Amino acid sequence: MPFFWNAFILLSAYLLGSVPNAVWIGRVFFKTDVRNHGSGNAGSTNTLRVLGYKAGIPVLLLDILKGFLAVKMIHLTFYYIPETGQYINFQLLLGLAVIIGHIFPVFANFRGGKGVATLIGVILAIDPVSMLICLGVFLVTLIVTKYVSLSSMIAGLSFPVLVIVVFNTTTSSLVIFSMIVFVLLLFTHQKNIERLVRNEESKAHFLFRRR
């Protein structure tokens, strides 16, 4: 029974991640599918680029909330004691499930976002201090370079560095999780990396304009 219930909770986390906030908000309130404009990505950055702050900010907050709530679904299991290895491991599984759901959403033909905002929610639920540091790295890089994609990848890289070097974490599952997350970020930013190499990546000037 515990196995099937845990599997159901993991599936629920994936389905929560599959809620395509950018797509639904764009279609319902702006009659626009953001995947057909801008970068073609169903995330908060492209929503900001295409529809402005009135759509982008709600999408950002809802995508973060997805990650946070998915990890908190651990409390529905009743099988894990806080701060134990099993508890942390299942939190990480829930985090991966919701991020994968966001990237490959069943409710949007598996064309989702890049997972950055949802990852923020996941890290916030697991370790708020790490989230604040990663957010700081993201903002500093964004201000200096104006590249959202590069800022996201560097912030993603800072997470495993924090886990392994700064916090000297010995929990192997957390180290593995942080590395998997970084690889996922590289995967979802493949086109951005190619454009950065060719010096063709668009800078995020739209973030600093009032819409």
N, C-alpha and C. Protein backbone atom coordinates (compact mmCIF):
# COMPACT_ATOMS: atom_id res chain seq x y z
N MET A 1 0.81 -1.22 0.00
CA MET A 1 0.00 0.00 0.00
C MET A 1 0.85 1.27 0.00
N PRO A 2 1.88 1.39 0.85
CA PRO A 2 2.71 2.61 0.81
C PRO A 2 3.30 2.87 -0.57
N PHE A 3 3.74 1.82 -1.27
CA PHE A 3 4.34 2.00 -2.58
C PHE A 3 3.36 2.64 -3.55
N PHE A 4 2.14 2.12 -3.62
CA PHE A 4 1.15 2.63 -4.56
C PHE A 4 0.73 4.05 -4.21
N TRP A 5 0.61 4.34 -2.90
CA TRP A 5 0.23 5.69 -2.49
C TRP A 5 1.35 6.68 -2.84
N ASN A 6 2.59 6.28 -2.60
CA ASN A 6 3.72 7.15 -2.93
C ASN A 6 3.80 7.38 -4.44
N ALA A 7 3.54 6.32 -5.22
CA ALA A 7 3.54 6.46 -6.68
C ALA A 7 2.44 7.42 -7.12
N PHE A 8 1.29 7.35 -6.47
CA PHE A 8 0.18 8.26 -6.78
C PHE A 8 0.56 9.71 -6.47
N ILE A 9 1.24 9.92 -5.35
CA ILE A 9 1.67 11.28 -4.98
C ILE A 9 2.69 11.80 -5.99
N LEU A 10 3.61 10.94 -6.43
CA LEU A 10 4.59 11.35 -7.44
C LEU A 10 3.91 11.70 -8.75
N LEU A 11 2.92 10.90 -9.14
CA LEU A 11 2.17 11.19 -10.37
C LEU A 11 1.43 12.51 -10.23
N SER A 12 0.89 12.77 -9.04
CA SER A 12 0.18 14.03 -8.79
C SER A 12 1.13 15.21 -8.92
N ALA A 13 2.37 15.04 -8.45
CA ALA A 13 3.37 16.11 -8.58
C ALA A 13 3.68 16.38 -10.04
N TYR A 14 3.79 15.32 -10.83
CA TYR A 14 4.02 15.49 -12.27
C TYR A 14 2.85 16.23 -12.92
N LEU A 15 1.62 15.83 -12.57
CA LEU A 15 0.44 16.47 -13.15
C LEU A 15 0.34 17.94 -12.73
N LEU A 16 0.73 18.23 -11.50
CA LEU A 16 0.76 19.62 -11.05
C LEU A 16 1.76 20.41 -11.88
N GLY A 17 2.92 19.82 -12.12
CA GLY A 17 3.92 20.48 -12.95
C GLY A 17 3.45 20.66 -14.38
N SER A 18 2.55 19.78 -14.83
CA SER A 18 2.06 19.84 -16.20
C SER A 18 1.05 20.95 -16.45
N VAL A 19 0.58 21.60 -15.39
CA VAL A 19 -0.35 22.72 -15.57
C VAL A 19 0.38 23.84 -16.31
N PRO A 20 0.01 24.13 -17.56
CA PRO A 20 0.75 25.10 -18.38
C PRO A 20 0.24 26.53 -18.15
N ASN A 21 0.69 27.13 -17.08
CA ASN A 21 0.19 28.46 -16.72
C ASN A 21 0.36 29.48 -17.84
N ALA A 22 1.52 29.47 -18.49
CA ALA A 22 1.77 30.43 -19.56
C ALA A 22 0.79 30.25 -20.72
N VAL A 23 0.55 28.99 -21.08
CA VAL A 23 -0.35 28.69 -22.20
C VAL A 23 -1.78 29.07 -21.86
N TRP A 24 -2.25 28.63 -20.69
CA TRP A 24 -3.65 28.88 -20.33
C TRP A 24 -3.93 30.35 -20.08
N ILE A 25 -3.05 31.04 -19.38
CA ILE A 25 -3.26 32.47 -19.13
C ILE A 25 -3.22 33.24 -20.45
N GLY A 26 -2.29 32.88 -21.32
CA GLY A 26 -2.21 33.54 -22.62
C GLY A 26 -3.45 33.34 -23.45
N ARG A 27 -3.97 32.12 -23.47
CA ARG A 27 -5.15 31.82 -24.28
C ARG A 27 -6.42 32.43 -23.70
N VAL A 28 -6.61 32.30 -22.39
CA VAL A 28 -7.85 32.74 -21.77
C VAL A 28 -7.96 34.26 -21.72
N PHE A 29 -6.89 34.93 -21.31
CA PHE A 29 -6.97 36.37 -21.07
C PHE A 29 -6.42 37.23 -22.21
N PHE A 30 -5.59 36.64 -23.07
CA PHE A 30 -4.97 37.44 -24.14
C PHE A 30 -5.19 36.84 -25.53
N LYS A 31 -5.92 35.71 -25.58
CA LYS A 31 -6.22 35.05 -26.86
C LYS A 31 -4.95 34.77 -27.66
N THR A 32 -3.89 34.43 -26.94
CA THR A 32 -2.59 34.21 -27.57
C THR A 32 -1.91 32.99 -26.97
N ASP A 33 -1.35 32.15 -27.83
CA ASP A 33 -0.51 31.04 -27.36
C ASP A 33 0.93 31.52 -27.44
N VAL A 34 1.54 31.72 -26.28
CA VAL A 34 2.90 32.29 -26.26
C VAL A 34 3.91 31.39 -26.97
N ARG A 35 3.57 30.13 -27.16
CA ARG A 35 4.49 29.21 -27.84
C ARG A 35 4.61 29.52 -29.33
N ASN A 36 3.69 30.33 -29.82
CA ASN A 36 3.74 30.72 -31.24
C ASN A 36 4.43 32.07 -31.44
N HIS A 37 5.01 32.60 -30.38
CA HIS A 37 5.64 33.92 -30.46
C HIS A 37 6.95 33.92 -29.67
N GLY A 38 7.76 34.94 -29.91
CA GLY A 38 9.01 35.07 -29.16
C GLY A 38 9.91 33.87 -29.33
N SER A 39 10.35 33.32 -28.20
CA SER A 39 11.24 32.15 -28.23
C SER A 39 10.48 30.85 -28.44
N GLY A 40 9.14 30.92 -28.36
CA GLY A 40 8.33 29.71 -28.50
C GLY A 40 8.25 28.89 -27.24
N ASN A 41 8.75 29.43 -26.15
CA ASN A 41 8.79 28.72 -24.87
C ASN A 41 7.58 29.06 -24.01
N ALA A 42 7.04 28.05 -23.33
CA ALA A 42 5.88 28.26 -22.47
C ALA A 42 6.31 28.53 -21.04
N GLY A 43 7.07 29.60 -20.87
CA GLY A 43 7.54 29.96 -19.54
C GLY A 43 7.31 31.42 -19.25
N SER A 44 7.70 31.83 -18.06
CA SER A 44 7.43 33.21 -17.63
C SER A 44 8.24 34.24 -18.42
N THR A 45 9.48 33.91 -18.78
CA THR A 45 10.30 34.88 -19.52
C THR A 45 9.70 35.19 -20.88
N ASN A 46 9.30 34.16 -21.61
CA ASN A 46 8.69 34.40 -22.92
C ASN A 46 7.33 35.07 -22.78
N THR A 47 6.61 34.76 -21.71
CA THR A 47 5.33 35.42 -21.47
C THR A 47 5.54 36.91 -21.22
N LEU A 48 6.56 37.24 -20.44
CA LEU A 48 6.91 38.64 -20.23
C LEU A 48 7.26 39.32 -21.55
N ARG A 49 8.02 38.61 -22.37
CA ARG A 49 8.46 39.17 -23.65
C ARG A 49 7.27 39.42 -24.58
N VAL A 50 6.34 38.47 -24.62
CA VAL A 50 5.24 38.54 -25.58
C VAL A 50 4.05 39.34 -25.06
N LEU A 51 3.68 39.12 -23.79
CA LEU A 51 2.44 39.70 -23.27
C LEU A 51 2.65 40.77 -22.21
N GLY A 52 3.87 40.94 -21.74
CA GLY A 52 4.13 41.97 -20.74
C GLY A 52 3.95 41.49 -19.31
N TYR A 53 4.09 42.43 -18.38
CA TYR A 53 4.09 42.09 -16.95
C TYR A 53 2.74 41.58 -16.45
N LYS A 54 1.64 42.05 -17.04
CA LYS A 54 0.32 41.64 -16.56
C LYS A 54 0.11 40.14 -16.69
N ALA A 55 0.76 39.55 -17.65
CA ALA A 55 0.70 38.09 -17.81
C ALA A 55 1.94 37.42 -17.24
N GLY A 56 3.10 38.04 -17.44
CA GLY A 56 4.36 37.41 -17.05
C GLY A 56 4.52 37.20 -15.57
N ILE A 57 4.14 38.20 -14.77
CA ILE A 57 4.30 38.07 -13.31
C ILE A 57 3.41 36.98 -12.74
N PRO A 58 2.09 36.92 -13.10
CA PRO A 58 1.27 35.81 -12.61
C PRO A 58 1.81 34.45 -13.02
N VAL A 59 2.29 34.33 -14.26
CA VAL A 59 2.86 33.06 -14.71
C VAL A 59 4.08 32.69 -13.88
N LEU A 60 4.96 33.66 -13.64
CA LEU A 60 6.15 33.42 -12.83
C LEU A 60 5.79 32.93 -11.43
N LEU A 61 4.86 33.62 -10.79
CA LEU A 61 4.48 33.26 -9.42
C LEU A 61 3.80 31.90 -9.37
N LEU A 62 2.94 31.61 -10.34
CA LEU A 62 2.25 30.33 -10.36
C LEU A 62 3.21 29.18 -10.65
N ASP A 63 4.19 29.41 -11.51
CA ASP A 63 5.17 28.36 -11.80
C ASP A 63 6.05 28.08 -10.58
N ILE A 64 6.41 29.13 -9.85
CA ILE A 64 7.15 28.94 -8.60
C ILE A 64 6.30 28.18 -7.59
N LEU A 65 5.01 28.56 -7.51
CA LEU A 65 4.10 27.91 -6.57
C LEU A 65 3.95 26.42 -6.87
N LYS A 66 3.95 26.06 -8.15
CA LYS A 66 3.86 24.64 -8.51
C LYS A 66 4.99 23.84 -7.87
N GLY A 67 6.20 24.35 -8.00
CA GLY A 67 7.35 23.64 -7.43
C GLY A 67 7.28 23.55 -5.93
N PHE A 68 6.87 24.64 -5.29
CA PHE A 68 6.78 24.68 -3.83
C PHE A 68 5.72 23.69 -3.32
N LEU A 69 4.53 23.73 -3.92
CA LEU A 69 3.44 22.86 -3.47
C LEU A 69 3.74 21.39 -3.73
N ALA A 70 4.40 21.10 -4.83
CA ALA A 70 4.72 19.70 -5.15
C ALA A 70 5.60 19.09 -4.07
N VAL A 71 6.61 19.82 -3.63
CA VAL A 71 7.50 19.31 -2.58
C VAL A 71 6.74 19.15 -1.27
N LYS A 72 5.83 20.08 -0.99
CA LYS A 72 5.06 20.02 0.25
C LYS A 72 4.05 18.87 0.26
N MET A 73 3.84 18.25 -0.90
CA MET A 73 2.96 17.07 -0.96
C MET A 73 3.54 15.91 -0.17
N ILE A 74 4.79 16.03 0.26
CA ILE A 74 5.40 15.03 1.13
C ILE A 74 4.55 14.78 2.36
N HIS A 75 3.84 15.82 2.81
CA HIS A 75 3.03 15.71 4.02
C HIS A 75 1.77 14.88 3.81
N LEU A 76 1.47 14.53 2.57
CA LEU A 76 0.32 13.68 2.29
C LEU A 76 0.67 12.21 2.36
N THR A 77 1.95 11.90 2.52
CA THR A 77 2.36 10.50 2.49
C THR A 77 2.22 9.80 3.83
N PHE A 78 2.51 10.51 4.91
CA PHE A 78 2.44 9.95 6.27
C PHE A 78 3.49 8.88 6.54
N TYR A 79 4.40 8.68 5.60
CA TYR A 79 5.38 7.61 5.75
C TYR A 79 6.79 8.13 6.02
N TYR A 80 6.95 9.44 6.06
CA TYR A 80 8.30 9.97 6.17
C TYR A 80 8.41 10.93 7.34
N ILE A 81 9.46 10.75 8.11
CA ILE A 81 9.71 11.61 9.27
C ILE A 81 10.66 12.72 8.85
N PRO A 82 10.31 14.00 9.12
CA PRO A 82 11.16 15.12 8.72
C PRO A 82 12.62 14.94 9.14
N GLU A 83 13.50 15.40 8.24
CA GLU A 83 14.96 15.40 8.44
C GLU A 83 15.60 14.02 8.31
N THR A 84 14.81 12.99 8.02
CA THR A 84 15.40 11.67 7.80
C THR A 84 15.78 11.51 6.34
N GLY A 85 16.56 10.48 6.04
CA GLY A 85 16.98 10.24 4.67
C GLY A 85 15.81 10.00 3.74
N GLN A 86 14.83 9.18 4.17
CA GLN A 86 13.67 8.89 3.34
C GLN A 86 12.88 10.15 3.04
N TYR A 87 12.74 11.00 4.02
CA TYR A 87 11.98 12.25 3.87
C TYR A 87 12.63 13.14 2.81
N ILE A 88 13.93 13.33 2.92
CA ILE A 88 14.65 14.17 1.96
C ILE A 88 14.62 13.56 0.57
N ASN A 89 14.82 12.25 0.48
CA ASN A 89 14.83 11.58 -0.82
C ASN A 89 13.49 11.73 -1.53
N PHE A 90 12.40 11.60 -0.78
CA PHE A 90 11.09 11.70 -1.42
C PHE A 90 10.79 13.14 -1.81
N GLN A 91 11.26 14.10 -1.03
CA GLN A 91 11.13 15.51 -1.42
C GLN A 91 11.82 15.75 -2.76
N LEU A 92 13.00 15.19 -2.92
CA LEU A 92 13.76 15.36 -4.15
C LEU A 92 13.05 14.71 -5.33
N LEU A 93 12.46 13.53 -5.10
CA LEU A 93 11.69 12.87 -6.16
C LEU A 93 10.49 13.71 -6.57
N LEU A 94 9.81 14.29 -5.59
CA LEU A 94 8.68 15.17 -5.89
C LEU A 94 9.15 16.38 -6.69
N GLY A 95 10.31 16.92 -6.32
CA GLY A 95 10.86 18.06 -7.04
C GLY A 95 11.16 17.71 -8.49
N LEU A 96 11.78 16.56 -8.71
CA LEU A 96 12.07 16.13 -10.08
C LEU A 96 10.79 15.91 -10.87
N ALA A 97 9.78 15.32 -10.22
CA ALA A 97 8.51 15.04 -10.90
C ALA A 97 7.84 16.32 -11.38
N VAL A 98 7.80 17.35 -10.52
CA VAL A 98 7.12 18.59 -10.91
C VAL A 98 7.92 19.34 -11.97
N ILE A 99 9.24 19.30 -11.91
CA ILE A 99 10.07 19.96 -12.92
C ILE A 99 9.90 19.28 -14.28
N ILE A 100 9.92 17.94 -14.28
CA ILE A 100 9.71 17.20 -15.52
C ILE A 100 8.32 17.48 -16.08
N GLY A 101 7.33 17.59 -15.19
CA GLY A 101 5.98 17.93 -15.63
C GLY A 101 5.93 19.29 -16.29
N HIS A 102 6.67 20.25 -15.74
CA HIS A 102 6.70 21.60 -16.31
C HIS A 102 7.37 21.61 -17.68
N ILE A 103 8.44 20.84 -17.82
CA ILE A 103 9.17 20.80 -19.10
C ILE A 103 8.41 19.99 -20.15
N PHE A 104 7.80 18.88 -19.71
CA PHE A 104 7.06 18.00 -20.63
C PHE A 104 5.62 17.84 -20.12
N PRO A 105 4.79 18.88 -20.26
CA PRO A 105 3.43 18.85 -19.68
C PRO A 105 2.45 18.04 -20.52
N VAL A 106 1.80 17.09 -19.88
CA VAL A 106 0.82 16.26 -20.58
C VAL A 106 -0.38 17.08 -21.01
N PHE A 107 -0.65 18.20 -20.34
CA PHE A 107 -1.80 19.04 -20.68
C PHE A 107 -1.50 20.04 -21.80
N ALA A 108 -0.29 20.04 -22.32
CA ALA A 108 0.07 21.00 -23.38
C ALA A 108 0.93 20.33 -24.44
N ASN A 109 0.56 19.09 -24.77
CA ASN A 109 1.26 18.34 -25.82
C ASN A 109 2.76 18.23 -25.57
N PHE A 110 3.13 18.18 -24.29
CA PHE A 110 4.52 17.97 -23.88
C PHE A 110 5.46 19.09 -24.36
N ARG A 111 4.88 20.27 -24.62
CA ARG A 111 5.67 21.45 -24.99
C ARG A 111 5.57 22.47 -23.86
N GLY A 112 6.50 22.41 -22.93
CA GLY A 112 6.41 23.26 -21.76
C GLY A 112 7.50 24.30 -21.67
N GLY A 113 7.81 24.68 -20.43
CA GLY A 113 8.82 25.69 -20.19
C GLY A 113 10.18 25.07 -19.94
N LYS A 114 11.08 25.87 -19.43
CA LYS A 114 12.46 25.42 -19.21
C LYS A 114 12.72 24.98 -17.78
N GLY A 115 11.75 25.16 -16.91
CA GLY A 115 11.85 24.62 -15.56
C GLY A 115 12.50 25.51 -14.53
N VAL A 116 12.90 26.72 -14.90
CA VAL A 116 13.65 27.56 -13.97
C VAL A 116 12.78 28.04 -12.81
N ALA A 117 11.60 28.62 -13.13
CA ALA A 117 10.72 29.13 -12.08
C ALA A 117 10.24 28.02 -11.16
N THR A 118 9.90 26.88 -11.75
CA THR A 118 9.45 25.74 -10.94
C THR A 118 10.58 25.23 -10.05
N LEU A 119 11.80 25.24 -10.57
CA LEU A 119 12.96 24.85 -9.76
C LEU A 119 13.12 25.79 -8.57
N ILE A 120 12.88 27.08 -8.77
CA ILE A 120 12.96 28.04 -7.67
C ILE A 120 12.01 27.62 -6.55
N GLY A 121 10.78 27.24 -6.92
CA GLY A 121 9.81 26.80 -5.92
C GLY A 121 10.25 25.54 -5.20
N VAL A 122 10.85 24.62 -5.94
CA VAL A 122 11.34 23.37 -5.35
C VAL A 122 12.44 23.65 -4.33
N ILE A 123 13.43 24.44 -4.73
CA ILE A 123 14.54 24.75 -3.82
C ILE A 123 14.04 25.54 -2.61
N LEU A 124 13.08 26.44 -2.84
CA LEU A 124 12.51 27.22 -1.74
C LEU A 124 11.89 26.30 -0.69
N ALA A 125 11.20 25.26 -1.14
CA ALA A 125 10.55 24.33 -0.22
C ALA A 125 11.55 23.44 0.51
N ILE A 126 12.65 23.10 -0.15
CA ILE A 126 13.64 22.20 0.44
C ILE A 126 14.67 22.94 1.27
N ASP A 127 15.21 24.03 0.73
CA ASP A 127 16.28 24.78 1.41
C ASP A 127 16.21 26.25 1.00
N PRO A 128 15.45 27.07 1.75
CA PRO A 128 15.27 28.49 1.40
C PRO A 128 16.59 29.26 1.29
N VAL A 129 17.58 28.92 2.10
CA VAL A 129 18.87 29.63 2.05
C VAL A 129 19.53 29.44 0.69
N SER A 130 19.55 28.20 0.21
CA SER A 130 20.13 27.92 -1.11
C SER A 130 19.38 28.67 -2.20
N MET A 131 18.05 28.73 -2.06
CA MET A 131 17.24 29.43 -3.06
C MET A 131 17.60 30.91 -3.12
N LEU A 132 17.77 31.53 -1.96
CA LEU A 132 18.11 32.95 -1.92
C LEU A 132 19.48 33.22 -2.54
N ILE A 133 20.43 32.33 -2.28
CA ILE A 133 21.77 32.49 -2.86
C ILE A 133 21.72 32.32 -4.38
N CYS A 134 21.00 31.28 -4.84
CA CYS A 134 20.87 31.06 -6.28
C CYS A 134 20.17 32.23 -6.95
N LEU A 135 19.14 32.76 -6.29
CA LEU A 135 18.42 33.92 -6.82
C LEU A 135 19.35 35.13 -6.93
N GLY A 136 20.19 35.30 -5.91
CA GLY A 136 21.16 36.39 -5.94
C GLY A 136 22.13 36.24 -7.10
N VAL A 137 22.60 35.01 -7.33
CA VAL A 137 23.50 34.74 -8.45
C VAL A 137 22.81 35.07 -9.77
N PHE A 138 21.54 34.67 -9.88
CA PHE A 138 20.77 34.93 -11.09
C PHE A 138 20.65 36.43 -11.35
N LEU A 139 20.26 37.18 -10.33
CA LEU A 139 20.03 38.62 -10.49
C LEU A 139 21.31 39.37 -10.84
N VAL A 140 22.41 39.02 -10.17
CA VAL A 140 23.69 39.68 -10.45
C VAL A 140 24.11 39.41 -11.90
N THR A 141 24.00 38.14 -12.31
CA THR A 141 24.38 37.78 -13.68
C THR A 141 23.48 38.48 -14.70
N LEU A 142 22.18 38.56 -14.39
CA LEU A 142 21.23 39.21 -15.30
C LEU A 142 21.54 40.70 -15.45
N ILE A 143 21.84 41.36 -14.34
CA ILE A 143 22.14 42.79 -14.39
C ILE A 143 23.41 43.05 -15.20
N VAL A 144 24.39 42.16 -15.04
CA VAL A 144 25.67 42.35 -15.73
C VAL A 144 25.57 42.01 -17.21
N THR A 145 24.91 40.88 -17.54
CA THR A 145 24.92 40.39 -18.93
C THR A 145 23.66 40.70 -19.72
N LYS A 146 22.52 40.87 -19.02
CA LYS A 146 21.20 41.07 -19.65
C LYS A 146 20.70 39.80 -20.35
N TYR A 147 21.36 38.66 -20.13
CA TYR A 147 20.92 37.40 -20.72
C TYR A 147 20.18 36.57 -19.67
N VAL A 148 18.88 36.35 -19.86
CA VAL A 148 18.12 35.53 -18.92
C VAL A 148 18.60 34.08 -18.97
N SER A 149 18.84 33.58 -20.18
CA SER A 149 19.25 32.18 -20.33
C SER A 149 20.58 31.91 -19.64
N LEU A 150 21.56 32.77 -19.87
CA LEU A 150 22.87 32.59 -19.23
C LEU A 150 22.76 32.72 -17.72
N SER A 151 21.95 33.66 -17.27
CA SER A 151 21.76 33.85 -15.82
C SER A 151 21.13 32.61 -15.20
N SER A 152 20.16 32.01 -15.90
CA SER A 152 19.50 30.81 -15.40
C SER A 152 20.47 29.65 -15.29
N MET A 153 21.31 29.48 -16.30
CA MET A 153 22.26 28.37 -16.29
C MET A 153 23.33 28.55 -15.22
N ILE A 154 23.82 29.77 -15.05
CA ILE A 154 24.83 30.01 -14.02
C ILE A 154 24.23 29.83 -12.63
N ALA A 155 22.99 30.29 -12.45
CA ALA A 155 22.31 30.09 -11.16
C ALA A 155 22.08 28.60 -10.92
N GLY A 156 21.74 27.86 -11.99
CA GLY A 156 21.56 26.42 -11.86
C GLY A 156 22.86 25.73 -11.49
N LEU A 157 23.97 26.18 -12.06
CA LEU A 157 25.28 25.62 -11.72
C LEU A 157 25.65 25.94 -10.28
N SER A 158 25.21 27.10 -9.80
CA SER A 158 25.57 27.49 -8.43
C SER A 158 24.92 26.57 -7.40
N PHE A 159 23.79 25.94 -7.76
CA PHE A 159 23.11 25.07 -6.81
C PHE A 159 23.95 23.85 -6.45
N PRO A 160 24.42 23.05 -7.42
CA PRO A 160 25.29 21.92 -7.04
C PRO A 160 26.58 22.37 -6.38
N VAL A 161 27.10 23.53 -6.78
CA VAL A 161 28.32 24.05 -6.14
C VAL A 161 28.04 24.35 -4.67
N LEU A 162 26.89 24.97 -4.39
CA LEU A 162 26.50 25.25 -3.01
C LEU A 162 26.38 23.96 -2.21
N VAL A 163 25.70 23.00 -2.82
CA VAL A 163 25.43 21.73 -2.13
C VAL A 163 26.73 20.99 -1.81
N ILE A 164 27.63 20.92 -2.80
CA ILE A 164 28.83 20.10 -2.66
C ILE A 164 29.96 20.83 -1.93
N VAL A 165 30.21 22.08 -2.29
CA VAL A 165 31.38 22.79 -1.79
C VAL A 165 31.07 23.65 -0.56
N VAL A 166 30.10 24.55 -0.70
CA VAL A 166 29.84 25.52 0.37
C VAL A 166 29.24 24.85 1.60
N PHE A 167 28.14 24.08 1.37
CA PHE A 167 27.47 23.46 2.51
C PHE A 167 28.05 22.11 2.88
N ASN A 168 29.01 21.61 2.04
CA ASN A 168 29.70 20.35 2.33
C ASN A 168 28.71 19.23 2.62
N THR A 169 27.69 19.14 1.76
CA THR A 169 26.63 18.15 1.96
C THR A 169 27.14 16.75 1.67
N THR A 170 26.81 15.82 2.55
CA THR A 170 27.22 14.43 2.36
C THR A 170 26.05 13.57 1.90
N THR A 171 24.85 14.16 1.77
CA THR A 171 23.68 13.41 1.32
C THR A 171 23.81 13.17 -0.18
N SER A 172 24.09 11.93 -0.56
CA SER A 172 24.36 11.63 -1.97
C SER A 172 23.16 11.95 -2.85
N SER A 173 21.95 11.71 -2.35
CA SER A 173 20.75 11.96 -3.15
C SER A 173 20.60 13.44 -3.48
N LEU A 174 20.97 14.32 -2.55
CA LEU A 174 20.88 15.76 -2.80
C LEU A 174 21.91 16.19 -3.83
N VAL A 175 23.10 15.61 -3.76
CA VAL A 175 24.14 15.91 -4.75
C VAL A 175 23.68 15.45 -6.13
N ILE A 176 23.14 14.23 -6.20
CA ILE A 176 22.65 13.68 -7.47
C ILE A 176 21.52 14.54 -8.02
N PHE A 177 20.60 14.95 -7.14
CA PHE A 177 19.47 15.79 -7.56
C PHE A 177 19.98 17.10 -8.16
N SER A 178 20.91 17.74 -7.48
CA SER A 178 21.41 19.03 -7.95
C SER A 178 22.10 18.90 -9.31
N MET A 179 22.81 17.79 -9.53
CA MET A 179 23.47 17.58 -10.81
C MET A 179 22.45 17.29 -11.91
N ILE A 180 21.42 16.49 -11.59
CA ILE A 180 20.37 16.20 -12.57
C ILE A 180 19.67 17.49 -12.98
N VAL A 181 19.39 18.34 -12.01
CA VAL A 181 18.72 19.62 -12.29
C VAL A 181 19.58 20.46 -13.23
N PHE A 182 20.87 20.51 -12.98
CA PHE A 182 21.75 21.30 -13.84
C PHE A 182 21.76 20.75 -15.26
N VAL A 183 21.79 19.42 -15.40
CA VAL A 183 21.76 18.80 -16.73
C VAL A 183 20.44 19.12 -17.43
N LEU A 184 19.33 19.09 -16.68
CA LEU A 184 18.03 19.44 -17.26
C LEU A 184 18.02 20.87 -17.76
N LEU A 185 18.62 21.78 -16.98
CA LEU A 185 18.69 23.17 -17.41
C LEU A 185 19.51 23.32 -18.69
N LEU A 186 20.61 22.58 -18.79
CA LEU A 186 21.40 22.61 -20.02
C LEU A 186 20.58 22.08 -21.19
N PHE A 187 19.81 21.02 -20.94
CA PHE A 187 18.98 20.42 -21.99
C PHE A 187 17.93 21.40 -22.48
N THR A 188 17.25 22.07 -21.56
CA THR A 188 16.17 22.98 -21.97
C THR A 188 16.71 24.29 -22.55
N HIS A 189 17.99 24.55 -22.36
CA HIS A 189 18.59 25.79 -22.88
C HIS A 189 19.53 25.52 -24.06
N GLN A 190 19.36 24.37 -24.73
CA GLN A 190 20.25 24.03 -25.83
C GLN A 190 20.30 25.12 -26.90
N LYS A 191 19.12 25.57 -27.34
CA LYS A 191 19.07 26.59 -28.40
C LYS A 191 19.68 27.90 -27.92
N ASN A 192 19.46 28.21 -26.64
CA ASN A 192 20.05 29.44 -26.09
C ASN A 192 21.57 29.36 -26.10
N ILE A 193 22.09 28.19 -25.75
CA ILE A 193 23.55 28.00 -25.74
C ILE A 193 24.12 28.19 -27.14
N GLU A 194 23.43 27.62 -28.14
CA GLU A 194 23.88 27.76 -29.52
C GLU A 194 23.89 29.23 -29.94
N ARG A 195 22.83 29.96 -29.55
CA ARG A 195 22.77 31.38 -29.91
C ARG A 195 23.81 32.20 -29.16
N LEU A 196 24.09 31.82 -27.91
CA LEU A 196 25.13 32.51 -27.15
C LEU A 196 26.50 32.32 -27.80
N VAL A 197 26.76 31.11 -28.25
CA VAL A 197 28.04 30.81 -28.91
C VAL A 197 28.18 31.64 -30.19
N ARG A 198 27.05 31.80 -30.92
CA ARG A 198 27.08 32.57 -32.17
C ARG A 198 26.89 34.06 -31.93
N ASN A 199 26.77 34.45 -30.65
CA ASN A 199 26.54 35.85 -30.29
C ASN A 199 25.23 36.37 -30.90
N GLU A 200 24.21 35.50 -30.93
CA GLU A 200 22.92 35.86 -31.50
C GLU A 200 21.80 35.86 -30.46
N GLU A 201 22.12 35.58 -29.23
CA GLU A 201 21.10 35.52 -28.17
C GLU A 201 20.59 36.93 -27.87
N SER A 202 19.26 37.05 -27.77
CA SER A 202 18.66 38.36 -27.48
C SER A 202 18.83 38.70 -26.01
N LYS A 203 19.17 39.95 -25.75
CA LYS A 203 19.27 40.40 -24.37
C LYS A 203 17.88 40.77 -23.85
N ALA A 204 17.73 40.70 -22.53
CA ALA A 204 16.41 40.86 -21.91
C ALA A 204 16.09 42.31 -21.60
N HIS A 205 16.20 43.16 -22.61
CA HIS A 205 15.88 44.57 -22.39
C HIS A 205 14.41 44.75 -22.02
N PHE A 206 13.56 43.80 -22.48
CA PHE A 206 12.12 43.90 -22.20
C PHE A 206 11.83 43.83 -20.71
N LEU A 207 12.73 43.22 -19.94
CA LEU A 207 12.51 43.13 -18.50
C LEU A 207 12.62 44.48 -17.82
N PHE A 208 13.32 45.38 -18.45
CA PHE A 208 13.57 46.68 -17.83
C PHE A 208 12.71 47.79 -18.43
N ARG A 209 11.76 47.36 -19.30
CA ARG A 209 10.80 48.32 -19.84
C ARG A 209 9.48 48.19 -19.12
N ARG A 210 8.75 49.24 -19.01
CA ARG A 210 7.42 49.21 -18.42
C ARG A 210 6.42 48.87 -19.52
N ARG A 211 5.54 47.90 -19.23
CA ARG A 211 4.55 47.50 -20.21
C ARG A 211 3.17 47.67 -19.62
